Amino acid sequence: MYDGYLDDDLSVWREVNRYHRLVEQNAVLRLKVQAEIYYVVSILLS
């Protein structure tokens, strides 16, 4: 009984960690895209 509860806790923890990693990766991708857009816009405006 207790072991099953611990297993559930671990699986929830794994899901949370995976979600955080996805969020971090998406944030990095968004920053890269924004940087590229600013770069292109600055070239077009100059």
PDB file of N, CA and C in Angstrom:
ATOM      1  N   MET A   1       0.844  -1.198   0.000  1.00  0.00           N
ATOM      2  CA  MET A   1       0.000   0.000   0.000  1.00  0.00           C
ATOM      3  C   MET A   1       0.875   1.242   0.000  1.00  0.00           C
ATOM      4  N   TYR A   2       1.777   1.302   0.961  1.00  0.00           N
ATOM      5  CA  TYR A   2       2.641   2.476   1.071  1.00  0.00           C
ATOM      6  C   TYR A   2       3.567   2.590  -0.137  1.00  0.00           C
ATOM      7  N   ASP A   3       4.057   1.442  -0.616  1.00  0.00           N
ATOM      8  CA  ASP A   3       4.935   1.455  -1.792  1.00  0.00           C
ATOM      9  C   ASP A   3       4.200   2.034  -2.998  1.00  0.00           C
ATOM     10  N   GLY A   4       2.938   1.631  -3.177  1.00  0.00           N
ATOM     11  CA  GLY A   4       2.150   2.144  -4.293  1.00  0.00           C
ATOM     12  C   GLY A   4       1.998   3.646  -4.204  1.00  0.00           C
ATOM     13  N   TYR A   5       1.797   4.131  -2.992  1.00  0.00           N
ATOM     14  CA  TYR A   5       1.649   5.576  -2.795  1.00  0.00           C
ATOM     15  C   TYR A   5       2.937   6.287  -3.182  1.00  0.00           C
ATOM     16  N   LEU A   6       4.065   5.718  -2.784  1.00  0.00           N
ATOM     17  CA  LEU A   6       5.358   6.319  -3.131  1.00  0.00           C
ATOM     18  C   LEU A   6       5.549   6.316  -4.642  1.00  0.00           C
ATOM     19  N   ASP A   7       5.170   5.215  -5.290  1.00  0.00           N
ATOM     20  CA  ASP A   7       5.300   5.139  -6.747  1.00  0.00           C
ATOM     21  C   ASP A   7       4.483   6.240  -7.411  1.00  0.00           C
ATOM     22  N   ASP A   8       3.256   6.446  -6.924  1.00  0.00           N
ATOM     23  CA  ASP A   8       2.414   7.504  -7.485  1.00  0.00           C
ATOM     24  C   ASP A   8       3.086   8.859  -7.315  1.00  0.00           C
ATOM     25  N   ASP A   9       3.636   9.096  -6.126  1.00  0.00           N
ATOM     26  CA  ASP A   9       4.324  10.360  -5.870  1.00  0.00           C
ATOM     27  C   ASP A   9       5.476  10.550  -6.854  1.00  0.00           C
ATOM     28  N   LEU A  10       6.247   9.490  -7.078  1.00  0.00           N
ATOM     29  CA  LEU A  10       7.390   9.585  -7.986  1.00  0.00           C
ATOM     30  C   LEU A  10       6.934   9.874  -9.407  1.00  0.00           C
ATOM     31  N   SER A  11       5.857   9.228  -9.841  1.00  0.00           N
ATOM     32  CA  SER A  11       5.393   9.452 -11.217  1.00  0.00           C
ATOM     33  C   SER A  11       4.889  10.879 -11.372  1.00  0.00           C
ATOM     34  N   VAL A  12       4.210  11.397 -10.346  1.00  0.00           N
ATOM     35  CA  VAL A  12       3.749  12.787 -10.398  1.00  0.00           C
ATOM     36  C   VAL A  12       4.951  13.712 -10.468  1.00  0.00           C
ATOM     37  N   TRP A  13       5.970  13.430  -9.645  1.00  0.00           N
ATOM     38  CA  TRP A  13       7.185  14.249  -9.630  1.00  0.00           C
ATOM     39  C   TRP A  13       7.858  14.241 -10.996  1.00  0.00           C
ATOM     40  N   ARG A  14       7.894  13.051 -11.636  1.00  0.00           N
ATOM     41  CA  ARG A  14       8.501  12.953 -12.973  1.00  0.00           C
ATOM     42  C   ARG A  14       7.731  13.807 -13.968  1.00  0.00           C
ATOM     43  N   GLU A  15       6.396  13.753 -13.894  1.00  0.00           N
ATOM     44  CA  GLU A  15       5.574  14.556 -14.806  1.00  0.00           C
ATOM     45  C   GLU A  15       5.854  16.037 -14.610  1.00  0.00           C
ATOM     46  N   VAL A  16       5.940  16.469 -13.350  1.00  0.00           N
ATOM     47  CA  VAL A  16       6.198  17.877 -13.047  1.00  0.00           C
ATOM     48  C   VAL A  16       7.550  18.286 -13.610  1.00  0.00           C
ATOM     49  N   ASN A  17       8.562  17.443 -13.414  1.00  0.00           N
ATOM     50  CA  ASN A  17       9.898  17.756 -13.930  1.00  0.00           C
ATOM     51  C   ASN A  17       9.889  17.860 -15.446  1.00  0.00           C
ATOM     52  N   ARG A  18       9.180  16.924 -16.103  1.00  0.00           N
ATOM     53  CA  ARG A  18       9.118  16.946 -17.564  1.00  0.00           C
ATOM     54  C   ARG A  18       8.424  18.218 -18.037  1.00  0.00           C
ATOM     55  N   TYR A  19       7.367  18.610 -17.336  1.00  0.00           N
ATOM     56  CA  TYR A  19       6.641  19.827 -17.707  1.00  0.00           C
ATOM     57  C   TYR A  19       7.542  21.046 -17.583  1.00  0.00           C
ATOM     58  N   HIS A  20       8.311  21.101 -16.481  1.00  0.00           N
ATOM     59  CA  HIS A  20       9.209  22.241 -16.288  1.00  0.00           C
ATOM     60  C   HIS A  20      10.264  22.295 -17.394  1.00  0.00           C
ATOM     61  N   ARG A  21      10.786  21.123 -17.780  1.00  0.00           N
ATOM     62  CA  ARG A  21      11.788  21.092 -18.858  1.00  0.00           C
ATOM     63  C   ARG A  21      11.176  21.602 -20.154  1.00  0.00           C
ATOM     64  N   LEU A  22       9.945  21.185 -20.453  1.00  0.00           N
ATOM     65  CA  LEU A  22       9.275  21.647 -21.673  1.00  0.00           C
ATOM     66  C   LEU A  22       9.105  23.158 -21.656  1.00  0.00           C
ATOM     67  N   VAL A  23       8.698  23.683 -20.506  1.00  0.00           N
ATOM     68  CA  VAL A  23       8.495  25.130 -20.396  1.00  0.00           C
ATOM     69  C   VAL A  23       9.813  25.860 -20.626  1.00  0.00           C
ATOM     70  N   GLU A  24      10.903  25.333 -20.032  1.00  0.00           N
ATOM     71  CA  GLU A  24      12.206  25.976 -20.207  1.00  0.00           C
ATOM     72  C   GLU A  24      12.634  25.941 -21.666  1.00  0.00           C
ATOM     73  N   GLN A  25      12.453  24.794 -22.320  1.00  0.00           N
ATOM     74  CA  GLN A  25      12.831  24.673 -23.730  1.00  0.00           C
ATOM     75  C   GLN A  25      12.021  25.648 -24.580  1.00  0.00           C
ATOM     76  N   ASN A  26      10.723  25.751 -24.292  1.00  0.00           N
ATOM     77  CA  ASN A  26       9.873  26.659 -25.064  1.00  0.00           C
ATOM     78  C   ASN A  26      10.295  28.101 -24.857  1.00  0.00           C
ATOM     79  N   ALA A  27      10.685  28.443 -23.635  1.00  0.00           N
ATOM     80  CA  ALA A  27      11.129  29.812 -23.354  1.00  0.00           C
ATOM     81  C   ALA A  27      12.387  30.120 -24.159  1.00  0.00           C
ATOM     82  N   VAL A  28      13.305  29.166 -24.222  1.00  0.00           N
ATOM     83  CA  VAL A  28      14.543  29.364 -24.983  1.00  0.00           C
ATOM     84  C   VAL A  28      14.218  29.526 -26.464  1.00  0.00           C
ATOM     85  N   LEU A  29      13.322  28.684 -26.975  1.00  0.00           N
ATOM     86  CA  LEU A  29      12.931  28.788 -28.386  1.00  0.00           C
ATOM     87  C   LEU A  29      12.306  30.138 -28.673  1.00  0.00           C
ATOM     88  N   ARG A  30      11.435  30.598 -27.757  1.00  0.00           N
ATOM     89  CA  ARG A  30      10.787  31.894 -27.954  1.00  0.00           C
ATOM     90  C   ARG A  30      11.813  33.008 -27.998  1.00  0.00           C
ATOM     91  N   LEU A  31      12.811  32.933 -27.121  1.00  0.00           N
ATOM     92  CA  LEU A  31      13.857  33.964 -27.106  1.00  0.00           C
ATOM     93  C   LEU A  31      14.632  33.957 -28.415  1.00  0.00           C
ATOM     94  N   LYS A  32      14.940  32.759 -28.919  1.00  0.00           N
ATOM     95  CA  LYS A  32      15.681  32.663 -30.183  1.00  0.00           C
ATOM     96  C   LYS A  32      14.879  33.268 -31.323  1.00  0.00           C
ATOM     97  N   VAL A  33      13.595  32.936 -31.377  1.00  0.00           N
ATOM     98  CA  VAL A  33      12.740  33.459 -32.445  1.00  0.00           C
ATOM     99  C   VAL A  33      12.644  34.976 -32.344  1.00  0.00           C
ATOM    100  N   GLN A  34      12.459  35.497 -31.134  1.00  0.00           N
ATOM    101  CA  GLN A  34      12.379  36.946 -30.949  1.00  0.00           C
ATOM    102  C   GLN A  34      13.672  37.612 -31.401  1.00  0.00           C
ATOM    103  N   ALA A  35      14.810  37.021 -31.046  1.00  0.00           N
ATOM    104  CA  ALA A  35      16.098  37.597 -31.427  1.00  0.00           C
ATOM    105  C   ALA A  35      16.223  37.636 -32.947  1.00  0.00           C
ATOM    106  N   GLU A  36      15.806  36.558 -33.616  1.00  0.00           N
ATOM    107  CA  GLU A  36      15.885  36.525 -35.079  1.00  0.00           C
ATOM    108  C   GLU A  36      14.970  37.574 -35.695  1.00  0.00           C
ATOM    109  N   ILE A  37      13.779  37.726 -35.140  1.00  0.00           N
ATOM    110  CA  ILE A  37      12.832  38.719 -35.674  1.00  0.00           C
ATOM    111  C   ILE A  37      13.410  40.121 -35.520  1.00  0.00           C
ATOM    112  N   TYR A  38      13.945  40.428 -34.330  1.00  0.00           N
ATOM    113  CA  TYR A  38      14.530  41.753 -34.106  1.00  0.00           C
ATOM    114  C   TYR A  38      15.687  41.998 -35.074  1.00  0.00           C
ATOM    115  N   TYR A  39      16.480  40.947 -35.315  1.00  0.00           N
ATOM    116  CA  TYR A  39      17.626  41.059 -36.217  1.00  0.00           C
ATOM    117  C   TYR A  39      17.154  41.397 -37.633  1.00  0.00           C
ATOM    118  N   VAL A  40      16.156  40.659 -38.111  1.00  0.00           N
ATOM    119  CA  VAL A  40      15.639  40.888 -39.467  1.00  0.00           C
ATOM    120  C   VAL A  40      15.017  42.275 -39.574  1.00  0.00           C
ATOM    121  N   VAL A  41      14.241  42.658 -38.568  1.00  0.00           N
ATOM    122  CA  VAL A  41      13.590  43.967 -38.597  1.00  0.00           C
ATOM    123  C   VAL A  41      14.633  45.076 -38.605  1.00  0.00           C
ATOM    124  N   SER A  42      15.688  44.925 -37.802  1.00  0.00           N
ATOM    125  CA  SER A  42      16.713  45.974 -37.753  1.00  0.00           C
ATOM    126  C   SER A  42      17.426  46.096 -39.098  1.00  0.00           C
ATOM    127  N   ILE A  43      17.619  44.973 -39.792  1.00  0.00           N
ATOM    128  CA  ILE A  43      18.242  45.016 -41.120  1.00  0.00           C
ATOM    129  C   ILE A  43      17.306  45.718 -42.107  1.00  0.00           C
ATOM    130  N   LEU A  44      16.024  45.394 -42.037  1.00  0.00           N
ATOM    131  CA  LEU A  44      15.055  45.999 -42.958  1.00  0.00           C
ATOM    132  C   LEU A  44      14.932  47.496 -42.722  1.00  0.00           C
ATOM    133  N   LEU A  45      15.009  47.910 -41.462  1.00  0.00           N
ATOM    134  CA  LEU A  45      14.829  49.325 -41.144  1.00  0.00           C
ATOM    135  C   LEU A  45      16.076  50.148 -41.458  1.00  0.00           C
ATOM    136  N   SER A  46      17.234  49.511 -41.415  1.00  0.00           N
ATOM    137  CA  SER A  46      18.468  50.293 -41.610  1.00  0.00           C
ATOM    138  C   SER A  46      18.709  50.623 -43.079  1.00  0.00           C
TER     139      SER A  46
END
